[in-house]
Amino acid sequence: MTDPDQATCYLAPTQESGRAFVMRQLTGNVVMLNLLRFRVTADYSATPELAPTAPISGAAAFQRYIDFTLPFLRETGGDLVFLGSGGPFLIGPPAERWDLAMLVRQHSVESFLAFASNKDYLAGMGHRTAAVEDSRLLPLSEIALGTTLPQATAQ
């Protein structure tokens, strides 16, 4: 049984969620909605070779991740289209908060997968790992106005 006081954190996709993402067979642009909660102090224990000489905040480590990542993202046809400060929800769980919301656009699932598997990009993932305490990543596909909205999906 799971301890209800122990929160589950999500930092990377599982094999199952990755398979489900590919199986959705999304076409056209894919926008990734990222919700991020930062560590107070970045934790570079998994990648000490990327660690700065003095401790930095999770937010500062995530800025390093963005700076490192943008060239690889743009090289595969993607871009960072929105970056915004978070906080508590207007509608949602009152105890849940996100420090940053980010929208990343890719031209296709294939270009996203090419970006996400680039070995040079992956070399800097330690900045993200050091920065993030918890996250959510929701792939979105555009719906043209006037078309039928999607049905509810089973859980």
N, C-alpha and C. Protein backbone atom coordinates (compact mmCIF):
# COMPACT_ATOMS: atom_id res chain seq x y z
N MET A 1 0.84 -1.18 0.00
CA MET A 1 0.00 0.00 0.00
C MET A 1 0.89 1.24 0.00
N THR A 2 0.45 2.28 -0.68
CA THR A 2 1.20 3.52 -0.78
C THR A 2 0.87 4.43 0.39
N ASP A 3 1.90 5.06 0.93
CA ASP A 3 1.71 6.02 2.02
C ASP A 3 1.06 7.27 1.46
N PRO A 4 -0.16 7.64 1.93
CA PRO A 4 -0.85 8.81 1.37
C PRO A 4 -0.14 10.13 1.65
N ASP A 5 0.76 10.14 2.66
CA ASP A 5 1.49 11.37 2.96
C ASP A 5 2.72 11.55 2.07
N GLN A 6 3.10 10.48 1.37
CA GLN A 6 4.27 10.55 0.50
C GLN A 6 3.83 10.91 -0.91
N ALA A 7 4.18 12.10 -1.34
CA ALA A 7 3.78 12.58 -2.66
C ALA A 7 4.58 11.87 -3.75
N THR A 8 3.92 11.60 -4.86
CA THR A 8 4.59 11.04 -6.02
C THR A 8 5.06 12.19 -6.90
N CYS A 9 6.32 12.14 -7.28
CA CYS A 9 6.87 13.16 -8.17
C CYS A 9 7.11 12.53 -9.53
N TYR A 10 6.96 13.33 -10.56
CA TYR A 10 7.12 12.87 -11.93
C TYR A 10 8.20 13.70 -12.59
N LEU A 11 9.29 13.03 -12.98
CA LEU A 11 10.42 13.75 -13.56
C LEU A 11 10.75 13.33 -14.98
N ALA A 12 10.31 12.15 -15.39
CA ALA A 12 10.62 11.64 -16.73
C ALA A 12 9.49 10.72 -17.18
N PRO A 13 9.31 10.59 -18.49
CA PRO A 13 8.27 9.68 -18.98
C PRO A 13 8.62 8.23 -18.66
N THR A 14 7.60 7.43 -18.51
CA THR A 14 7.79 5.98 -18.36
C THR A 14 7.76 5.36 -19.74
N GLN A 15 8.17 4.11 -19.85
CA GLN A 15 8.08 3.41 -21.13
C GLN A 15 6.63 3.35 -21.58
N GLU A 16 5.73 3.10 -20.64
CA GLU A 16 4.30 3.00 -20.95
C GLU A 16 3.76 4.33 -21.47
N SER A 17 4.10 5.44 -20.81
CA SER A 17 3.58 6.73 -21.28
C SER A 17 4.21 7.13 -22.61
N GLY A 18 5.47 6.79 -22.82
CA GLY A 18 6.12 7.07 -24.11
C GLY A 18 5.47 6.28 -25.24
N ARG A 19 5.17 5.03 -24.98
CA ARG A 19 4.50 4.19 -25.98
C ARG A 19 3.11 4.76 -26.29
N ALA A 20 2.37 5.15 -25.25
CA ALA A 20 1.04 5.71 -25.45
C ALA A 20 1.10 7.01 -26.26
N PHE A 21 2.12 7.82 -26.03
CA PHE A 21 2.31 9.07 -26.78
C PHE A 21 2.49 8.77 -28.26
N VAL A 22 3.36 7.82 -28.59
CA VAL A 22 3.60 7.46 -29.99
C VAL A 22 2.34 6.85 -30.60
N MET A 23 1.63 6.03 -29.84
CA MET A 23 0.44 5.35 -30.34
C MET A 23 -0.73 6.31 -30.60
N ARG A 24 -0.68 7.50 -30.02
CA ARG A 24 -1.74 8.49 -30.30
C ARG A 24 -1.72 8.91 -31.76
N GLN A 25 -0.60 8.74 -32.42
CA GLN A 25 -0.44 9.09 -33.83
C GLN A 25 -0.88 10.52 -34.12
N LEU A 26 -0.39 11.43 -33.31
CA LEU A 26 -0.69 12.85 -33.52
C LEU A 26 -0.08 13.30 -34.84
N THR A 27 -0.80 14.16 -35.54
CA THR A 27 -0.28 14.70 -36.79
C THR A 27 -0.16 16.21 -36.65
N GLY A 28 0.75 16.76 -37.40
CA GLY A 28 0.96 18.21 -37.37
C GLY A 28 1.72 18.64 -36.13
N ASN A 29 1.63 19.94 -35.85
CA ASN A 29 2.35 20.50 -34.71
C ASN A 29 1.92 19.83 -33.41
N VAL A 30 2.89 19.63 -32.54
CA VAL A 30 2.64 19.13 -31.20
C VAL A 30 3.16 20.19 -30.24
N VAL A 31 2.32 20.60 -29.31
CA VAL A 31 2.73 21.56 -28.29
C VAL A 31 2.79 20.82 -26.96
N MET A 32 3.92 20.95 -26.31
CA MET A 32 4.12 20.29 -25.01
C MET A 32 3.87 21.31 -23.91
N LEU A 33 2.83 21.05 -23.10
CA LEU A 33 2.55 21.87 -21.93
C LEU A 33 3.36 21.30 -20.77
N ASN A 34 4.29 22.08 -20.28
CA ASN A 34 5.15 21.70 -19.15
C ASN A 34 4.72 22.49 -17.92
N LEU A 35 4.48 21.81 -16.83
CA LEU A 35 4.29 22.45 -15.53
C LEU A 35 5.45 21.99 -14.66
N LEU A 36 6.14 22.94 -14.04
CA LEU A 36 7.37 22.62 -13.33
C LEU A 36 7.38 23.21 -11.92
N ARG A 37 7.81 22.40 -10.98
CA ARG A 37 8.05 22.87 -9.61
C ARG A 37 9.54 22.69 -9.35
N PHE A 38 10.19 23.77 -8.94
CA PHE A 38 11.64 23.76 -8.76
C PHE A 38 12.04 23.38 -7.34
N ARG A 39 13.23 22.81 -7.25
CA ARG A 39 13.87 22.60 -5.94
C ARG A 39 14.31 23.97 -5.43
N VAL A 40 14.37 24.14 -4.13
CA VAL A 40 14.89 25.39 -3.56
C VAL A 40 16.35 25.54 -3.97
N THR A 41 17.12 24.48 -3.78
CA THR A 41 18.53 24.45 -4.19
C THR A 41 18.71 23.32 -5.19
N ALA A 42 19.32 23.62 -6.32
CA ALA A 42 19.54 22.61 -7.35
C ALA A 42 20.36 21.45 -6.80
N ASP A 43 20.02 20.24 -7.23
CA ASP A 43 20.71 19.03 -6.77
C ASP A 43 21.44 18.40 -7.95
N TYR A 44 22.72 18.64 -8.02
CA TYR A 44 23.56 18.13 -9.11
C TYR A 44 24.26 16.82 -8.73
N SER A 45 23.77 16.12 -7.72
CA SER A 45 24.46 14.89 -7.28
C SER A 45 24.50 13.83 -8.38
N ALA A 46 23.52 13.80 -9.28
CA ALA A 46 23.50 12.80 -10.36
C ALA A 46 24.43 13.19 -11.51
N THR A 47 24.74 14.49 -11.63
CA THR A 47 25.61 14.96 -12.72
C THR A 47 26.58 16.02 -12.18
N PRO A 48 27.51 15.61 -11.33
CA PRO A 48 28.43 16.60 -10.73
C PRO A 48 29.28 17.34 -11.76
N GLU A 49 29.49 16.74 -12.93
CA GLU A 49 30.29 17.42 -13.97
C GLU A 49 29.60 18.67 -14.50
N LEU A 50 28.28 18.79 -14.32
CA LEU A 50 27.55 19.99 -14.76
C LEU A 50 27.38 21.02 -13.64
N ALA A 51 27.72 20.64 -12.42
CA ALA A 51 27.47 21.49 -11.26
C ALA A 51 28.28 22.78 -11.30
N PRO A 52 27.65 23.89 -10.94
CA PRO A 52 28.41 25.14 -10.82
C PRO A 52 29.32 25.07 -9.59
N THR A 53 30.23 26.01 -9.48
CA THR A 53 31.18 26.00 -8.37
C THR A 53 30.52 26.30 -7.03
N ALA A 54 29.42 27.04 -7.04
CA ALA A 54 28.69 27.36 -5.81
C ALA A 54 27.23 26.92 -5.99
N PRO A 55 26.54 26.61 -4.90
CA PRO A 55 25.14 26.20 -5.01
C PRO A 55 24.28 27.28 -5.70
N ILE A 56 23.30 26.80 -6.49
CA ILE A 56 22.36 27.70 -7.15
C ILE A 56 20.94 27.19 -6.91
N SER A 57 19.99 28.03 -7.18
CA SER A 57 18.58 27.65 -7.01
C SER A 57 18.15 26.71 -8.13
N GLY A 58 17.04 26.02 -7.90
CA GLY A 58 16.45 25.20 -8.94
C GLY A 58 16.09 26.04 -10.16
N ALA A 59 15.56 27.24 -9.92
CA ALA A 59 15.20 28.13 -11.03
C ALA A 59 16.43 28.50 -11.85
N ALA A 60 17.55 28.78 -11.20
CA ALA A 60 18.78 29.12 -11.92
C ALA A 60 19.29 27.91 -12.72
N ALA A 61 19.17 26.73 -12.15
CA ALA A 61 19.58 25.52 -12.87
C ALA A 61 18.68 25.30 -14.08
N PHE A 62 17.38 25.59 -13.94
CA PHE A 62 16.49 25.40 -15.08
C PHE A 62 16.79 26.42 -16.17
N GLN A 63 17.19 27.63 -15.80
CA GLN A 63 17.60 28.62 -16.81
C GLN A 63 18.81 28.10 -17.58
N ARG A 64 19.73 27.44 -16.89
CA ARG A 64 20.87 26.82 -17.58
C ARG A 64 20.39 25.75 -18.55
N TYR A 65 19.38 24.98 -18.15
CA TYR A 65 18.81 23.96 -19.02
C TYR A 65 18.21 24.61 -20.28
N ILE A 66 17.43 25.67 -20.09
CA ILE A 66 16.82 26.36 -21.24
C ILE A 66 17.92 26.87 -22.19
N ASP A 67 18.90 27.56 -21.64
CA ASP A 67 19.98 28.12 -22.47
C ASP A 67 20.71 27.03 -23.23
N PHE A 68 20.95 25.90 -22.59
CA PHE A 68 21.64 24.78 -23.23
C PHE A 68 20.76 24.13 -24.30
N THR A 69 19.45 24.03 -24.03
CA THR A 69 18.52 23.25 -24.85
C THR A 69 18.04 23.97 -26.11
N LEU A 70 17.85 25.27 -26.05
CA LEU A 70 17.25 26.00 -27.18
C LEU A 70 17.90 25.73 -28.53
N PRO A 71 19.22 25.70 -28.65
CA PRO A 71 19.80 25.41 -29.98
C PRO A 71 19.39 24.04 -30.52
N PHE A 72 19.34 23.03 -29.67
CA PHE A 72 18.95 21.68 -30.11
C PHE A 72 17.47 21.64 -30.48
N LEU A 73 16.66 22.34 -29.70
CA LEU A 73 15.22 22.41 -29.97
C LEU A 73 14.98 23.06 -31.33
N ARG A 74 15.61 24.19 -31.56
CA ARG A 74 15.41 24.91 -32.82
C ARG A 74 16.00 24.16 -34.01
N GLU A 75 17.07 23.43 -33.79
CA GLU A 75 17.69 22.64 -34.85
C GLU A 75 16.72 21.56 -35.37
N THR A 76 15.82 21.08 -34.54
CA THR A 76 14.86 20.05 -34.95
C THR A 76 13.51 20.65 -35.32
N GLY A 77 13.45 21.97 -35.52
CA GLY A 77 12.22 22.62 -35.97
C GLY A 77 11.29 23.05 -34.86
N GLY A 78 11.72 22.95 -33.63
CA GLY A 78 10.88 23.35 -32.50
C GLY A 78 11.21 24.73 -32.00
N ASP A 79 10.43 25.18 -31.03
CA ASP A 79 10.70 26.47 -30.40
C ASP A 79 9.97 26.57 -29.07
N LEU A 80 10.49 27.41 -28.22
CA LEU A 80 9.85 27.74 -26.95
C LEU A 80 8.87 28.87 -27.26
N VAL A 81 7.57 28.61 -27.12
CA VAL A 81 6.58 29.60 -27.52
C VAL A 81 5.98 30.36 -26.34
N PHE A 82 6.14 29.83 -25.12
CA PHE A 82 5.62 30.54 -23.95
C PHE A 82 6.38 30.08 -22.72
N LEU A 83 6.71 31.03 -21.87
CA LEU A 83 7.34 30.79 -20.58
C LEU A 83 6.67 31.72 -19.60
N GLY A 84 6.08 31.19 -18.54
CA GLY A 84 5.36 32.05 -17.62
C GLY A 84 5.48 31.61 -16.17
N SER A 85 5.43 32.58 -15.27
CA SER A 85 5.45 32.30 -13.84
C SER A 85 4.17 31.59 -13.45
N GLY A 86 4.30 30.65 -12.55
CA GLY A 86 3.15 29.91 -12.05
C GLY A 86 2.69 30.44 -10.72
N GLY A 87 2.16 29.54 -9.92
CA GLY A 87 1.62 29.86 -8.60
C GLY A 87 0.48 28.92 -8.30
N PRO A 88 -0.38 29.28 -7.39
CA PRO A 88 -1.52 28.41 -7.07
C PRO A 88 -2.58 28.48 -8.17
N PHE A 89 -3.38 27.42 -8.26
CA PHE A 89 -4.45 27.37 -9.25
C PHE A 89 -5.59 28.31 -8.90
N LEU A 90 -6.27 28.81 -9.92
CA LEU A 90 -7.54 29.49 -9.75
C LEU A 90 -8.63 28.44 -9.64
N ILE A 91 -8.53 27.40 -10.45
CA ILE A 91 -9.39 26.22 -10.37
C ILE A 91 -8.46 25.03 -10.27
N GLY A 92 -8.52 24.32 -9.18
CA GLY A 92 -7.65 23.17 -8.99
C GLY A 92 -7.34 22.97 -7.52
N PRO A 93 -6.54 21.98 -7.22
CA PRO A 93 -6.22 21.69 -5.82
C PRO A 93 -5.53 22.87 -5.15
N PRO A 94 -6.05 23.34 -4.02
CA PRO A 94 -5.49 24.53 -3.38
C PRO A 94 -4.05 24.35 -2.89
N ALA A 95 -3.64 23.14 -2.58
CA ALA A 95 -2.28 22.92 -2.09
C ALA A 95 -1.27 22.72 -3.22
N GLU A 96 -1.75 22.58 -4.46
CA GLU A 96 -0.85 22.33 -5.58
C GLU A 96 -0.40 23.64 -6.19
N ARG A 97 0.89 23.74 -6.45
CA ARG A 97 1.43 24.94 -7.09
C ARG A 97 2.50 24.55 -8.08
N TRP A 98 2.63 25.37 -9.12
CA TRP A 98 3.67 25.16 -10.13
C TRP A 98 4.42 26.46 -10.27
N ASP A 99 5.75 26.39 -10.31
CA ASP A 99 6.58 27.59 -10.40
C ASP A 99 6.64 28.16 -11.80
N LEU A 100 6.54 27.28 -12.81
CA LEU A 100 6.72 27.71 -14.19
C LEU A 100 5.83 26.90 -15.10
N ALA A 101 5.24 27.59 -16.06
CA ALA A 101 4.52 26.92 -17.15
C ALA A 101 5.29 27.23 -18.43
N MET A 102 5.39 26.23 -19.28
CA MET A 102 6.18 26.38 -20.50
C MET A 102 5.47 25.64 -21.62
N LEU A 103 5.38 26.28 -22.77
CA LEU A 103 4.85 25.65 -23.97
C LEU A 103 5.97 25.54 -24.99
N VAL A 104 6.21 24.31 -25.44
CA VAL A 104 7.24 24.03 -26.44
C VAL A 104 6.56 23.43 -27.65
N ARG A 105 6.80 24.03 -28.82
CA ARG A 105 6.18 23.55 -30.06
C ARG A 105 7.20 22.77 -30.87
N GLN A 106 6.74 21.64 -31.39
CA GLN A 106 7.50 20.86 -32.36
C GLN A 106 6.61 20.67 -33.58
N HIS A 107 7.21 20.55 -34.76
CA HIS A 107 6.44 20.39 -35.99
C HIS A 107 5.74 19.04 -36.11
N SER A 108 6.25 18.06 -35.36
CA SER A 108 5.66 16.72 -35.45
C SER A 108 6.15 15.88 -34.29
N VAL A 109 5.50 14.77 -34.09
CA VAL A 109 5.97 13.80 -33.09
C VAL A 109 7.37 13.35 -33.44
N GLU A 110 7.62 13.12 -34.73
CA GLU A 110 8.93 12.66 -35.17
C GLU A 110 10.03 13.68 -34.84
N SER A 111 9.75 14.97 -35.04
CA SER A 111 10.76 15.98 -34.72
C SER A 111 10.97 16.07 -33.21
N PHE A 112 9.90 15.87 -32.44
CA PHE A 112 10.05 15.84 -30.98
C PHE A 112 10.94 14.68 -30.56
N LEU A 113 10.69 13.50 -31.12
CA LEU A 113 11.47 12.32 -30.77
C LEU A 113 12.93 12.48 -31.19
N ALA A 114 13.17 13.12 -32.35
CA ALA A 114 14.54 13.38 -32.78
C ALA A 114 15.25 14.31 -31.80
N PHE A 115 14.54 15.34 -31.35
CA PHE A 115 15.09 16.27 -30.36
C PHE A 115 15.37 15.54 -29.05
N ALA A 116 14.38 14.80 -28.55
CA ALA A 116 14.48 14.17 -27.23
C ALA A 116 15.52 13.06 -27.17
N SER A 117 15.94 12.54 -28.32
CA SER A 117 16.92 11.46 -28.32
C SER A 117 18.31 11.91 -28.80
N ASN A 118 18.47 13.21 -29.05
CA ASN A 118 19.76 13.74 -29.50
C ASN A 118 20.79 13.62 -28.38
N LYS A 119 21.88 12.89 -28.62
CA LYS A 119 22.86 12.64 -27.57
C LYS A 119 23.51 13.93 -27.06
N ASP A 120 23.68 14.93 -27.92
CA ASP A 120 24.27 16.19 -27.47
C ASP A 120 23.30 16.94 -26.54
N TYR A 121 22.01 16.92 -26.87
CA TYR A 121 21.00 17.51 -25.99
C TYR A 121 20.97 16.77 -24.66
N LEU A 122 20.97 15.44 -24.71
CA LEU A 122 20.89 14.63 -23.49
C LEU A 122 22.05 14.90 -22.54
N ALA A 123 23.19 15.34 -23.07
CA ALA A 123 24.35 15.64 -22.23
C ALA A 123 24.08 16.78 -21.25
N GLY A 124 23.09 17.62 -21.54
CA GLY A 124 22.76 18.74 -20.65
C GLY A 124 21.52 18.53 -19.81
N MET A 125 20.90 17.34 -19.92
CA MET A 125 19.68 17.06 -19.16
C MET A 125 19.89 17.15 -17.65
N GLY A 126 21.12 17.02 -17.21
CA GLY A 126 21.42 17.10 -15.78
C GLY A 126 21.01 18.42 -15.16
N HIS A 127 20.98 19.50 -15.97
CA HIS A 127 20.52 20.79 -15.44
C HIS A 127 19.03 20.71 -15.10
N ARG A 128 18.26 20.05 -15.95
CA ARG A 128 16.82 19.88 -15.68
C ARG A 128 16.61 19.00 -14.45
N THR A 129 17.33 17.89 -14.40
CA THR A 129 17.22 16.97 -13.27
C THR A 129 17.58 17.67 -11.96
N ALA A 130 18.62 18.49 -11.99
CA ALA A 130 19.05 19.22 -10.80
C ALA A 130 18.01 20.26 -10.37
N ALA A 131 17.30 20.81 -11.33
CA ALA A 131 16.39 21.92 -11.08
C ALA A 131 15.02 21.51 -10.59
N VAL A 132 14.48 20.42 -11.13
CA VAL A 132 13.06 20.12 -11.01
C VAL A 132 12.76 19.16 -9.86
N GLU A 133 11.83 19.58 -9.04
CA GLU A 133 11.34 18.73 -7.94
C GLU A 133 10.18 17.85 -8.42
N ASP A 134 9.34 18.41 -9.28
CA ASP A 134 8.18 17.68 -9.81
C ASP A 134 7.77 18.36 -11.11
N SER A 135 7.13 17.59 -11.99
CA SER A 135 6.72 18.16 -13.27
C SER A 135 5.55 17.40 -13.86
N ARG A 136 4.92 18.03 -14.84
CA ARG A 136 3.90 17.40 -15.67
C ARG A 136 4.21 17.79 -17.11
N LEU A 137 3.98 16.87 -18.03
CA LEU A 137 4.20 17.13 -19.45
C LEU A 137 3.00 16.58 -20.20
N LEU A 138 2.26 17.47 -20.84
CA LEU A 138 1.05 17.08 -21.56
C LEU A 138 1.20 17.44 -23.03
N PRO A 139 1.32 16.43 -23.91
CA PRO A 139 1.38 16.70 -25.35
C PRO A 139 0.00 17.13 -25.85
N LEU A 140 -0.03 18.22 -26.60
CA LEU A 140 -1.27 18.76 -27.12
C LEU A 140 -1.22 18.80 -28.64
N SER A 141 -2.35 18.49 -29.27
CA SER A 141 -2.45 18.66 -30.72
C SER A 141 -3.56 19.68 -30.98
N GLU A 142 -3.31 20.51 -31.98
CA GLU A 142 -4.24 21.60 -32.27
C GLU A 142 -5.55 21.10 -32.84
N ILE A 143 -6.61 21.76 -32.43
CA ILE A 143 -7.95 21.48 -32.95
C ILE A 143 -8.41 22.75 -33.66
N ALA A 144 -8.80 22.62 -34.91
CA ALA A 144 -9.28 23.77 -35.66
C ALA A 144 -10.64 24.19 -35.12
N LEU A 145 -10.84 25.50 -35.00
CA LEU A 145 -12.15 26.00 -34.56
C LEU A 145 -13.23 25.50 -35.50
N GLY A 146 -14.35 25.12 -34.93
CA GLY A 146 -15.46 24.66 -35.73
C GLY A 146 -15.48 23.15 -35.95
N THR A 147 -14.42 22.46 -35.49
CA THR A 147 -14.42 21.00 -35.62
C THR A 147 -14.96 20.39 -34.33
N THR A 148 -15.25 19.13 -34.40
CA THR A 148 -15.79 18.43 -33.24
C THR A 148 -14.71 18.28 -32.17
N LEU A 149 -15.06 18.59 -30.94
CA LEU A 149 -14.13 18.44 -29.83
C LEU A 149 -13.95 16.95 -29.51
N PRO A 150 -12.80 16.59 -28.96
CA PRO A 150 -12.56 15.19 -28.64
C PRO A 150 -13.47 14.71 -27.51
N GLN A 151 -13.74 13.42 -27.54
CA GLN A 151 -14.52 12.78 -26.48
C GLN A 151 -13.66 12.62 -25.24
N ALA A 152 -14.30 12.44 -24.10
CA ALA A 152 -13.58 12.12 -22.88
C ALA A 152 -12.85 10.80 -23.07
N THR A 153 -11.66 10.71 -22.47
CA THR A 153 -10.90 9.47 -22.58
C THR A 153 -11.05 8.67 -21.30
N ALA A 154 -11.03 7.37 -21.44
CA ALA A 154 -11.13 6.49 -20.28
C ALA A 154 -9.86 6.59 -19.46
N GLN A 155 -9.99 6.41 -18.16
CA GLN A 155 -8.83 6.51 -17.29
C GLN A 155 -8.08 5.23 -17.23
